[in-house]
Every structure is written in C-alpha cells, then in structure tokens.
C-alpha cells in the first residue's frame, strides 16, 4: 500500500491509499478519485516530503492503511446522480414531514382509503413485498419511500 497527498482543482488537500503507484495513476487518469470536500474528480498528486528515518528520531505519525476487512461499499457518482440523490432525499424528507407514519398498519389503511372506507390522507409505513403486490393488484397507488445511504459515499 502507498499513501499519496492529493490536491483537487480548487486546492483542497487530502490523502488516499492505493495498492501501488500504477494503480494510483490509472485511477487518477480515469477520474475515479474525488475530493471528499467538494466532489471534484480533477485531482492530482501533491508534493510530499519523504519520510526518512534518522537514529534517535521518532517516526512521524501516519494514518494506517485500511485493512481489507474494513473496506466499505462505495459508489462513483456523476453530477447527475448526485442531483438525483439530492432530489430523492428531498422527497423522503417531504413525505416524513407531511404524512403520518402508520407503521405496519400501512397496507390495511391504504386499502381502506382506496375503497373509501376511511378518509384519505397522506400516510407512510411498513409493508412486506407480498402486501405491496396485493395492493398494486387491487389498484391501490403506493410507492416505495427512497432510502439512501449516508452522504460521502
């Protein structure tokens, strides 16, 4: 593993680990590395002072390389995908703010509203896949509420 100090087009500095120099060059050239502060993919290696050990001198503090077991799923997103994610988060927040959470009662309440047995209102809750399928077959209009992983993926 090798650690590089990187610099985005705006001037944000950050570090990243690569398996080797060739891998870092290939990922930077293909725009696969983005700035964690602004998201820019225009990133290049910055000048780093070499770490040279001398007798009696403490080695500098370093960030440990990630262990394979610590790897997290990641996604590379274009600007369009980031905008879509932002809009999906807005939809989710709008529903949570303006609709009533009914939990596992969702399928039955949605069905009752559809058949005009109770007054219609905006609700959201929990439903199993087979319950959703039954609702759709009955003509009940339901939509999944988007769930997104936390930012900085």
Protein backbone atom coordinates (compact mmCIF):
# COMPACT_ATOMS: atom_id res chain seq x y z
CA UNK A 1 0.00 0.00 0.00
CA UNK A 2 1.14 3.53 -0.75
CA UNK A 3 -0.25 6.80 0.57
CA UNK A 4 -0.37 9.97 -1.53
CA UNK A 5 -1.21 13.53 -0.66
CA UNK A 6 -3.71 14.68 -3.29
CA UNK A 7 -4.87 18.10 -4.43
CA UNK A 8 -8.14 18.93 -6.20
CA UNK A 9 -8.60 21.71 -8.75
CA UNK A 10 -9.95 24.05 -6.04
CA UNK A 11 -6.96 23.44 -3.77
CA UNK A 12 -8.38 21.06 -1.17
CA UNK A 13 -5.69 18.71 0.13
CA UNK A 14 -6.45 15.14 1.22
CA UNK A 15 -4.73 11.78 1.48
CA UNK A 16 -5.62 8.49 -0.16
CA UNK A 17 -4.21 4.98 -0.13
CA UNK A 18 -3.54 2.94 -3.27
CA UNK A 19 -2.25 -0.58 -3.76
CA UNK A 20 0.68 0.76 -5.82
CA UNK A 21 1.85 3.73 -7.90
CA UNK A 22 0.46 2.36 -11.18
CA UNK A 23 -2.98 1.91 -9.65
CA UNK A 24 -2.98 5.48 -8.35
CA UNK A 25 -2.02 6.83 -11.77
CA UNK A 26 -4.73 4.80 -13.52
CA UNK A 27 -7.46 5.82 -11.06
CA UNK A 28 -6.50 9.49 -11.20
CA UNK A 29 -6.40 9.44 -15.02
CA UNK A 30 -9.86 7.84 -15.23
CA UNK A 31 -11.40 10.32 -12.76
CA UNK A 32 -12.10 7.61 -10.17
CA UNK A 33 -10.77 9.64 -7.25
CA UNK A 34 -12.80 12.57 -5.99
CA UNK A 35 -12.23 15.27 -3.42
CA UNK A 36 -14.07 14.48 -0.17
CA UNK A 37 -14.76 18.19 0.38
CA UNK A 38 -16.12 19.34 -2.98
CA UNK A 39 -16.52 16.15 -5.01
CA UNK A 40 -14.24 17.29 -7.84
CA UNK A 41 -12.66 14.49 -9.89
CA UNK A 42 -9.93 16.79 -11.18
CA UNK A 43 -7.35 15.52 -8.71
CA UNK A 44 -3.58 15.26 -8.90
CA UNK A 45 -0.77 14.17 -6.63
CA UNK A 46 0.68 16.92 -4.46
CA UNK A 47 4.31 17.18 -3.45
CA UNK A 48 5.02 15.24 -0.28
CA UNK A 49 8.07 15.42 1.92
CA UNK A 50 9.67 11.99 2.10
CA UNK A 51 9.69 10.27 5.47
CA UNK A 52 13.33 9.47 6.13
CA UNK A 53 14.27 7.85 9.42
CA UNK A 54 17.28 9.06 11.40
CA UNK A 55 18.75 7.46 14.51
CA UNK A 56 17.10 8.80 17.68
CA UNK A 57 14.29 10.49 15.76
CA UNK A 58 10.68 9.45 16.27
CA UNK A 59 8.92 8.49 13.02
CA UNK A 60 6.14 10.88 12.00
CA UNK A 61 2.55 9.99 12.83
CA UNK A 62 0.96 8.22 9.90
CA UNK A 63 -2.54 7.18 9.06
CA UNK A 64 -2.67 3.37 8.95
CA UNK A 65 -3.55 1.75 5.65
CA UNK A 66 -7.07 0.36 5.59
CA UNK A 67 -7.27 -3.35 6.25
CA UNK A 68 -9.15 -5.47 3.70
CA UNK A 69 -11.77 -6.37 6.33
CA UNK A 70 -12.51 -2.64 6.82
CA UNK A 71 -13.43 -1.99 3.19
CA UNK A 72 -16.78 -0.32 2.71
CA UNK A 73 -19.03 -0.43 -0.36
CA UNK A 74 -18.52 2.67 -2.46
CA UNK A 75 -20.14 4.22 -5.50
CA UNK A 76 -18.80 6.68 -8.03
CA UNK A 77 -21.47 9.20 -8.91
CA UNK A 78 -21.72 11.73 -11.69
CA UNK A 79 -23.12 15.20 -11.09
CA UNK A 80 -26.47 13.99 -12.46
CA UNK A 81 -26.51 11.09 -10.00
CA UNK A 82 -25.65 13.43 -7.11
CA UNK A 83 -28.54 15.69 -8.11
CA UNK A 84 -30.89 12.69 -8.29
CA UNK A 85 -29.76 11.61 -4.81
CA UNK A 86 -30.41 15.13 -3.51
CA UNK A 87 -33.92 15.10 -5.01
CA UNK A 88 -34.67 11.65 -3.56
CA UNK A 89 -33.62 12.89 -0.12
CA UNK A 90 -35.94 15.89 -0.54
CA UNK A 91 -38.83 13.58 -1.46
CA UNK A 92 -38.17 11.40 1.57
CA UNK A 93 -37.98 14.40 3.91
CA UNK A 94 -41.15 15.90 2.39
CA UNK A 95 -43.09 12.68 2.97
CA UNK A 96 -41.81 12.32 6.53
CA UNK A 97 -42.73 15.93 7.28
CA UNK A 98 -46.17 15.96 5.62
CA UNK A 99 -47.53 12.41 6.03
CA UNK A 100 -48.46 10.31 9.05
CA UNK A 101 -46.30 7.32 9.91
CA UNK A 102 -48.62 4.32 10.46
CA UNK A 103 -46.06 1.53 10.76
CA UNK A 104 -47.25 -1.99 9.95
CA UNK A 105 -50.85 -0.78 9.60
CA UNK A 106 -49.93 0.75 6.24
CA UNK A 107 -51.34 -2.00 3.93
CA UNK A 108 -54.71 -2.13 5.68
CA UNK A 109 -55.11 1.65 5.99
CA UNK A 110 -54.08 2.18 2.35
CA UNK A 111 -56.63 -0.43 1.26
CA UNK A 112 -59.39 1.20 3.39
CA UNK A 113 -58.62 4.63 1.92
CA UNK A 114 -58.65 3.24 -1.60
CA UNK A 115 -62.10 1.70 -1.04
CA UNK A 116 -63.25 4.96 0.60
CA UNK A 117 -63.97 3.21 3.90
CA UNK A 118 -61.99 5.87 5.74
CA UNK A 119 -60.98 9.45 4.91
CA UNK A 120 -57.99 9.75 2.56
CA UNK A 121 -54.79 11.29 3.94
CA UNK A 122 -51.07 11.04 3.30
CA UNK A 123 -49.52 8.10 5.12
CA UNK A 124 -46.33 6.09 5.05
CA UNK A 125 -45.30 2.94 6.86
CA UNK A 126 -44.10 -0.63 6.54
CA UNK A 127 -45.25 -3.28 4.05
CA UNK A 128 -43.90 -6.66 3.04
CA UNK A 129 -43.27 -7.29 -0.68
CA UNK A 130 -46.29 -9.60 -0.98
CA UNK A 131 -48.51 -6.97 0.71
CA UNK A 132 -47.31 -4.32 -1.75
CA UNK A 133 -48.02 -6.69 -4.66
CA UNK A 134 -51.57 -7.27 -3.39
CA UNK A 135 -52.17 -3.53 -3.02
CA UNK A 136 -50.96 -2.87 -6.56
CA UNK A 137 -53.15 -5.68 -7.94
CA UNK A 138 -56.16 -4.03 -6.25
CA UNK A 139 -55.28 -0.71 -7.91
CA UNK A 140 -54.04 0.97 -4.73
CA UNK A 141 -51.39 3.52 -5.71
CA UNK A 142 -48.36 3.01 -3.49
CA UNK A 143 -44.72 3.98 -3.96
CA UNK A 144 -41.61 2.87 -2.11
CA UNK A 145 -40.07 5.59 0.02
CA UNK A 146 -36.46 6.08 -1.14
CA UNK A 147 -33.85 5.05 1.38
CA UNK A 148 -30.37 6.37 0.75
CA UNK A 149 -27.08 5.64 2.49
CA UNK A 150 -25.49 8.49 4.35
CA UNK A 151 -23.57 11.11 2.38
CA UNK A 152 -19.92 10.83 1.28
CA UNK A 153 -20.31 7.53 -0.49
